[in-house]
N, C-alpha and C. Protein backbone atom coordinates (compact mmCIF):
# COMPACT_ATOMS: atom_id res chain seq x y z
N MET A 1 0.81 -1.16 -0.03
CA MET A 1 -0.01 -0.06 -0.04
C MET A 1 0.83 1.26 -0.03
N ARG A 2 1.98 1.19 0.79
CA ARG A 2 2.78 2.43 0.75
C ARG A 2 3.35 2.75 -0.62
N PHE A 3 3.74 1.81 -1.44
CA PHE A 3 4.30 2.24 -2.74
C PHE A 3 3.18 2.79 -3.66
N PHE A 4 2.01 2.28 -3.52
CA PHE A 4 0.85 2.84 -4.25
C PHE A 4 0.63 4.29 -3.88
N ALA A 5 0.57 4.55 -2.60
CA ALA A 5 0.44 5.87 -2.18
C ALA A 5 1.59 6.83 -2.61
N THR A 6 2.79 6.31 -2.52
CA THR A 6 3.95 7.08 -3.00
C THR A 6 3.80 7.43 -4.50
N ALA A 7 3.42 6.41 -5.33
CA ALA A 7 3.28 6.65 -6.68
C ALA A 7 2.22 7.76 -6.99
N ILE A 8 1.12 7.75 -6.25
CA ILE A 8 0.12 8.77 -6.51
C ILE A 8 0.61 10.03 -6.06
N LEU A 9 1.32 10.11 -4.90
CA LEU A 9 1.94 11.39 -4.51
C LEU A 9 2.85 11.98 -5.53
N ILE A 10 3.72 11.11 -6.08
CA ILE A 10 4.64 11.63 -7.10
C ILE A 10 3.96 12.10 -8.37
N ALA A 11 3.05 11.29 -8.87
CA ALA A 11 2.35 11.67 -10.03
C ALA A 11 1.51 12.90 -9.88
N ALA A 12 1.01 13.14 -8.71
CA ALA A 12 0.14 14.27 -8.50
C ALA A 12 1.01 15.58 -8.25
N SER A 13 2.24 15.43 -8.01
CA SER A 13 3.02 16.51 -7.55
C SER A 13 3.56 17.34 -8.72
N PRO A 14 4.12 18.52 -8.50
CA PRO A 14 4.72 19.25 -9.56
C PRO A 14 6.03 18.60 -10.14
N LEU A 15 6.55 17.60 -9.36
CA LEU A 15 7.78 16.90 -9.88
C LEU A 15 7.55 16.15 -11.12
N ALA A 16 6.28 16.04 -11.51
CA ALA A 16 6.06 15.24 -12.77
C ALA A 16 6.19 16.08 -13.88
N ALA A 17 6.44 17.35 -13.75
CA ALA A 17 6.64 18.34 -14.88
C ALA A 17 7.68 17.81 -15.82
N PRO A 18 7.51 17.88 -17.15
CA PRO A 18 8.39 17.32 -18.13
C PRO A 18 9.84 17.95 -18.15
N THR A 19 9.99 19.10 -17.58
CA THR A 19 11.34 19.73 -17.56
C THR A 19 12.23 19.15 -16.51
N GLN A 20 11.65 18.42 -15.55
CA GLN A 20 12.36 17.92 -14.44
C GLN A 20 12.74 16.48 -14.71
N GLU A 21 13.94 16.04 -14.26
CA GLU A 21 14.42 14.67 -14.39
C GLU A 21 14.78 14.23 -13.07
N ARG A 22 14.51 12.95 -12.75
CA ARG A 22 14.83 12.36 -11.43
C ARG A 22 16.30 11.99 -11.55
N VAL A 23 17.04 12.39 -10.47
CA VAL A 23 18.48 12.11 -10.41
C VAL A 23 18.81 11.12 -9.28
N ALA A 24 17.92 10.92 -8.30
CA ALA A 24 18.15 10.05 -7.21
C ALA A 24 16.77 9.47 -6.67
N LEU A 25 16.82 8.30 -6.28
CA LEU A 25 15.69 7.55 -5.68
C LEU A 25 16.27 6.63 -4.62
N GLY A 26 15.74 6.68 -3.46
CA GLY A 26 16.27 5.84 -2.40
C GLY A 26 15.35 5.77 -1.22
N SER A 27 15.93 5.08 -0.18
CA SER A 27 15.22 5.04 1.07
C SER A 27 16.27 5.08 2.19
N ILE A 28 15.84 5.84 3.24
CA ILE A 28 16.83 5.92 4.44
C ILE A 28 15.92 5.99 5.68
N ASP A 29 16.42 5.68 6.83
CA ASP A 29 15.75 5.78 8.07
C ASP A 29 15.89 7.14 8.60
N GLU A 30 14.97 7.47 9.66
CA GLU A 30 15.02 8.69 10.23
C GLU A 30 16.42 8.86 10.91
N GLY A 31 16.96 10.13 10.76
CA GLY A 31 18.31 10.49 11.25
C GLY A 31 19.39 10.12 10.43
N GLU A 32 19.17 9.45 9.32
CA GLU A 32 20.27 9.04 8.33
C GLU A 32 20.34 9.99 7.21
N GLU A 33 21.40 9.99 6.49
CA GLU A 33 21.63 10.72 5.30
C GLU A 33 22.43 9.89 4.27
N GLU A 34 22.31 10.32 3.07
CA GLU A 34 23.12 9.71 2.01
C GLU A 34 23.38 10.83 0.94
N SER A 35 24.43 10.57 0.15
CA SER A 35 24.80 11.61 -0.84
C SER A 35 25.01 11.03 -2.15
N PHE A 36 24.98 11.88 -3.13
CA PHE A 36 25.37 11.59 -4.53
C PHE A 36 26.04 12.81 -5.09
N PHE A 37 26.69 12.57 -6.20
CA PHE A 37 27.56 13.70 -6.80
C PHE A 37 27.03 13.97 -8.24
N LEU A 38 27.01 15.26 -8.69
CA LEU A 38 26.59 15.71 -9.91
C LEU A 38 27.70 16.52 -10.56
N VAL A 39 27.79 16.51 -11.79
CA VAL A 39 28.66 17.48 -12.58
C VAL A 39 27.69 18.42 -13.23
N LEU A 40 27.87 19.78 -12.88
CA LEU A 40 27.05 20.73 -13.29
C LEU A 40 27.82 21.69 -14.13
N GLU A 41 27.28 22.32 -15.22
CA GLU A 41 27.95 23.23 -16.07
C GLU A 41 27.89 24.68 -15.65
N GLY A 42 28.88 25.41 -15.87
CA GLY A 42 28.96 26.80 -15.55
C GLY A 42 27.94 27.56 -16.39
N GLY A 43 27.45 28.69 -15.86
CA GLY A 43 26.50 29.54 -16.61
C GLY A 43 25.08 29.09 -16.67
N SER A 44 24.76 28.01 -15.94
CA SER A 44 23.44 27.46 -15.90
C SER A 44 22.86 27.55 -14.46
N ALA A 45 21.57 27.67 -14.31
CA ALA A 45 20.97 27.65 -13.02
C ALA A 45 20.25 26.41 -12.83
N TYR A 46 20.39 25.72 -11.75
CA TYR A 46 19.79 24.40 -11.51
C TYR A 46 18.94 24.44 -10.20
N LEU A 47 17.87 23.75 -10.27
CA LEU A 47 16.94 23.65 -9.09
C LEU A 47 16.86 22.19 -8.75
N LEU A 48 17.21 21.82 -7.44
CA LEU A 48 17.00 20.48 -7.00
C LEU A 48 15.86 20.38 -6.06
N THR A 49 14.97 19.53 -6.27
CA THR A 49 13.80 19.35 -5.41
C THR A 49 13.68 17.99 -4.78
N GLY A 50 13.31 17.85 -3.57
CA GLY A 50 13.16 16.49 -2.95
C GLY A 50 11.67 16.32 -2.68
N LEU A 51 11.31 15.00 -2.61
CA LEU A 51 9.89 14.59 -2.31
C LEU A 51 10.11 13.19 -1.65
N CYS A 52 9.22 13.00 -0.68
CA CYS A 52 9.31 11.65 -0.04
C CYS A 52 7.84 11.08 0.23
N ASP A 53 7.89 9.86 0.67
CA ASP A 53 6.56 9.16 0.80
C ASP A 53 5.68 9.70 1.90
N LEU A 54 4.59 8.98 2.17
CA LEU A 54 3.62 9.57 3.03
C LEU A 54 4.04 9.35 4.56
N ASP A 55 5.01 8.45 4.80
CA ASP A 55 5.52 8.37 6.18
C ASP A 55 6.58 9.33 6.58
N CYS A 56 7.04 10.12 5.52
CA CYS A 56 8.12 11.10 5.74
C CYS A 56 7.43 12.37 6.20
N LEU A 57 8.04 13.01 7.31
CA LEU A 57 7.55 14.21 7.82
C LEU A 57 8.46 15.39 7.54
N ASP A 58 9.76 15.07 7.40
CA ASP A 58 10.77 16.15 7.24
C ASP A 58 11.94 15.61 6.42
N LEU A 59 12.19 16.11 5.21
CA LEU A 59 13.29 15.78 4.32
C LEU A 59 14.12 17.00 4.14
N ASP A 60 15.48 16.88 4.20
CA ASP A 60 16.29 18.00 4.03
C ASP A 60 17.26 17.74 2.84
N LEU A 61 17.68 18.84 2.14
CA LEU A 61 18.69 18.84 1.17
C LEU A 61 19.76 19.84 1.30
N ALA A 62 20.99 19.52 0.97
CA ALA A 62 22.07 20.38 0.98
C ALA A 62 22.93 20.19 -0.29
N VAL A 63 23.46 21.23 -0.83
CA VAL A 63 24.42 21.14 -2.04
C VAL A 63 25.71 21.79 -1.67
N PHE A 64 26.78 21.02 -1.93
CA PHE A 64 28.14 21.41 -1.64
C PHE A 64 28.95 21.48 -2.94
N ASP A 65 29.73 22.55 -3.11
CA ASP A 65 30.72 22.60 -4.18
C ASP A 65 31.88 21.89 -3.73
N VAL A 66 32.22 20.71 -4.37
CA VAL A 66 33.18 19.75 -3.88
C VAL A 66 34.64 20.48 -4.02
N ILE A 67 34.89 21.13 -5.17
CA ILE A 67 36.18 21.66 -5.42
C ILE A 67 36.41 22.84 -4.50
N ALA A 68 35.53 23.75 -4.33
CA ALA A 68 35.67 24.87 -3.43
C ALA A 68 35.55 24.49 -1.96
N GLY A 69 34.91 23.41 -1.72
CA GLY A 69 34.74 22.99 -0.28
C GLY A 69 33.73 23.87 0.44
N GLU A 70 32.68 24.35 -0.27
CA GLU A 70 31.78 25.30 0.30
C GLU A 70 30.35 24.81 0.10
N LEU A 71 29.49 25.22 1.14
CA LEU A 71 28.05 24.92 1.03
C LEU A 71 27.46 25.90 0.08
N VAL A 72 26.73 25.46 -0.94
CA VAL A 72 26.15 26.32 -1.97
C VAL A 72 24.67 26.63 -1.50
N ASP A 73 23.97 25.71 -1.06
CA ASP A 73 22.53 26.00 -0.63
C ASP A 73 22.10 24.85 0.27
N ILE A 74 21.12 25.19 1.10
CA ILE A 74 20.65 24.18 2.13
C ILE A 74 19.22 24.53 2.46
N ASP A 75 18.34 23.39 2.58
CA ASP A 75 17.00 23.62 2.92
C ASP A 75 16.70 22.65 4.14
N VAL A 76 16.68 23.19 5.29
CA VAL A 76 16.41 22.35 6.49
C VAL A 76 15.05 22.80 7.15
N GLU A 77 14.21 23.36 6.32
CA GLU A 77 12.89 23.75 6.89
C GLU A 77 12.07 22.45 7.30
N PRO A 78 11.23 22.55 8.36
CA PRO A 78 10.56 21.39 8.84
C PRO A 78 9.37 20.98 7.86
N ASP A 79 9.77 20.45 6.64
CA ASP A 79 8.78 20.12 5.68
C ASP A 79 9.35 18.89 4.91
N ASP A 80 8.51 18.34 3.99
CA ASP A 80 8.90 17.17 3.22
C ASP A 80 9.05 17.47 1.79
N TYR A 81 9.41 18.77 1.49
CA TYR A 81 9.49 19.20 0.06
C TYR A 81 10.69 20.27 0.01
N PRO A 82 11.94 19.75 0.18
CA PRO A 82 13.00 20.70 0.18
C PRO A 82 13.41 21.05 -1.24
N VAL A 83 13.85 22.34 -1.34
CA VAL A 83 14.33 22.88 -2.63
C VAL A 83 15.60 23.62 -2.46
N VAL A 84 16.61 23.34 -3.30
CA VAL A 84 17.91 23.99 -3.23
C VAL A 84 18.30 24.34 -4.59
N SER A 85 19.18 25.35 -4.69
CA SER A 85 19.62 25.75 -6.06
C SER A 85 21.11 25.84 -6.15
N ALA A 86 21.57 25.83 -7.40
CA ALA A 86 23.00 26.00 -7.63
C ALA A 86 23.11 26.70 -9.05
N ALA A 87 24.03 27.65 -9.10
CA ALA A 87 24.36 28.30 -10.34
C ALA A 87 25.83 28.49 -10.48
N PRO A 88 26.57 27.44 -10.83
CA PRO A 88 28.02 27.52 -10.87
C PRO A 88 28.50 28.44 -11.96
N ARG A 89 29.60 29.06 -11.75
CA ARG A 89 30.29 29.91 -12.69
C ARG A 89 31.03 29.13 -13.70
N SER A 90 31.55 27.95 -13.30
CA SER A 90 32.26 27.07 -14.19
C SER A 90 31.83 25.68 -13.87
N ARG A 91 32.28 24.79 -14.81
CA ARG A 91 31.95 23.37 -14.58
C ARG A 91 32.53 22.89 -13.33
N GLY A 92 31.81 22.03 -12.55
CA GLY A 92 32.31 21.46 -11.31
C GLY A 92 31.49 20.27 -10.79
N VAL A 93 32.03 19.70 -9.79
CA VAL A 93 31.45 18.54 -9.16
C VAL A 93 30.71 19.06 -7.86
N PHE A 94 29.41 18.61 -7.63
CA PHE A 94 28.66 19.13 -6.53
C PHE A 94 28.12 17.82 -5.81
N GLU A 95 28.18 17.88 -4.47
CA GLU A 95 27.61 16.78 -3.64
C GLU A 95 26.27 17.18 -3.17
N VAL A 96 25.30 16.32 -3.39
CA VAL A 96 23.89 16.65 -2.87
C VAL A 96 23.67 15.60 -1.75
N GLU A 97 23.41 16.18 -0.59
CA GLU A 97 23.18 15.38 0.64
C GLU A 97 21.71 15.42 0.92
N VAL A 98 21.21 14.15 1.10
CA VAL A 98 19.78 13.98 1.49
C VAL A 98 19.68 13.44 2.90
N SER A 99 18.95 14.26 3.75
CA SER A 99 18.80 13.87 5.14
C SER A 99 17.34 13.66 5.49
N MET A 100 17.09 12.48 6.18
CA MET A 100 15.74 12.13 6.60
C MET A 100 15.58 12.66 8.08
N ALA A 101 15.16 13.82 8.25
CA ALA A 101 14.99 14.46 9.63
C ALA A 101 13.89 13.86 10.34
N SER A 102 12.81 13.42 9.74
CA SER A 102 11.68 12.79 10.53
C SER A 102 10.96 11.83 9.62
N CYS A 103 10.82 10.60 10.08
CA CYS A 103 10.07 9.56 9.36
C CYS A 103 9.28 8.72 10.38
N SER A 104 7.93 8.63 10.22
CA SER A 104 7.12 7.89 11.09
C SER A 104 7.28 6.36 11.06
N VAL A 105 7.58 5.81 9.92
CA VAL A 105 7.78 4.41 9.76
C VAL A 105 9.05 4.22 8.85
N ASP A 106 10.17 3.69 9.46
CA ASP A 106 11.37 3.51 8.69
C ASP A 106 11.30 2.31 7.85
N PRO A 107 11.92 2.28 6.64
CA PRO A 107 12.58 3.42 6.06
C PRO A 107 11.58 4.36 5.28
N CYS A 108 11.96 5.58 5.02
CA CYS A 108 11.12 6.42 4.18
C CYS A 108 11.83 6.55 2.83
N PHE A 109 10.95 6.61 1.86
CA PHE A 109 11.53 6.59 0.49
C PHE A 109 11.41 8.07 0.01
N TYR A 110 12.41 8.43 -0.82
CA TYR A 110 12.55 9.76 -1.38
C TYR A 110 12.94 9.71 -2.84
N GLN A 111 12.83 10.89 -3.38
CA GLN A 111 13.36 11.14 -4.78
C GLN A 111 13.88 12.58 -4.80
N VAL A 112 14.88 12.82 -5.66
CA VAL A 112 15.34 14.18 -5.92
C VAL A 112 15.33 14.34 -7.37
N THR A 113 14.82 15.48 -7.79
CA THR A 113 14.80 15.86 -9.24
C THR A 113 15.67 17.06 -9.50
N ILE A 114 16.00 17.24 -10.75
CA ILE A 114 16.84 18.43 -11.12
C ILE A 114 16.02 19.16 -12.25
N GLU A 115 16.09 20.50 -12.17
CA GLU A 115 15.40 21.29 -13.23
C GLU A 115 16.34 22.38 -13.47
N CYS A 116 16.23 22.81 -14.79
CA CYS A 116 17.12 23.90 -15.24
C CYS A 116 16.25 25.12 -15.71
N ALA A 117 16.88 26.31 -15.51
CA ALA A 117 16.25 27.54 -16.01
C ALA A 117 15.94 27.54 -17.53
N ASP A 118 16.86 26.98 -18.27
CA ASP A 118 16.61 26.71 -19.69
C ASP A 118 16.70 25.23 -19.91
N ASP A 119 16.09 24.84 -20.96
CA ASP A 119 15.89 23.38 -21.24
C ASP A 119 17.20 22.71 -21.73
N SER A 120 18.31 23.43 -21.89
CA SER A 120 19.41 22.81 -22.56
C SER A 120 20.65 22.74 -21.57
N CYS A 121 20.48 23.03 -20.31
CA CYS A 121 21.63 23.01 -19.36
C CYS A 121 22.00 21.60 -19.08
N PRO A 122 23.32 21.15 -19.41
CA PRO A 122 23.71 19.79 -19.19
C PRO A 122 24.16 19.48 -17.76
N TRP A 123 23.98 18.21 -17.37
CA TRP A 123 24.34 17.81 -16.06
C TRP A 123 24.43 16.26 -16.19
N ARG A 124 25.17 15.65 -15.22
CA ARG A 124 25.26 14.18 -15.20
C ARG A 124 25.58 13.83 -13.73
N VAL A 125 25.14 12.54 -13.48
CA VAL A 125 25.40 12.04 -12.08
C VAL A 125 26.71 11.23 -12.26
N LEU A 126 27.57 11.48 -11.18
CA LEU A 126 28.82 10.73 -11.07
C LEU A 126 28.61 9.46 -10.37
N GLU A 127 29.05 8.35 -11.00
CA GLU A 127 28.71 7.08 -10.36
C GLU A 127 30.08 6.35 -9.88
């Protein structure tokens, strides 16, 4: 039942917009975090949005510039729809940290999408 409810939540949300692409999908317990890395191009503006299942009460996102060693943006508001942005001046590697601040039934499932200000800004996930 949980997966069905999650699918409905995702399909009914603005994340289903055709300009957005899913870059991460996973599950973590309350109090845990996991990260993934993106290569983003300079001169483009990127928006990363998180969404989680119905058991999730608070999901947080942070973006770090790996080369500069700096926090670019963070959303730790007490909600389950975090939004962060990055607008690099030059091509670089960025770490996206996903944190499950509150989950009523572990694990909670999440997804992160990326959206660009223009439709042609390139990006890729480092594996």
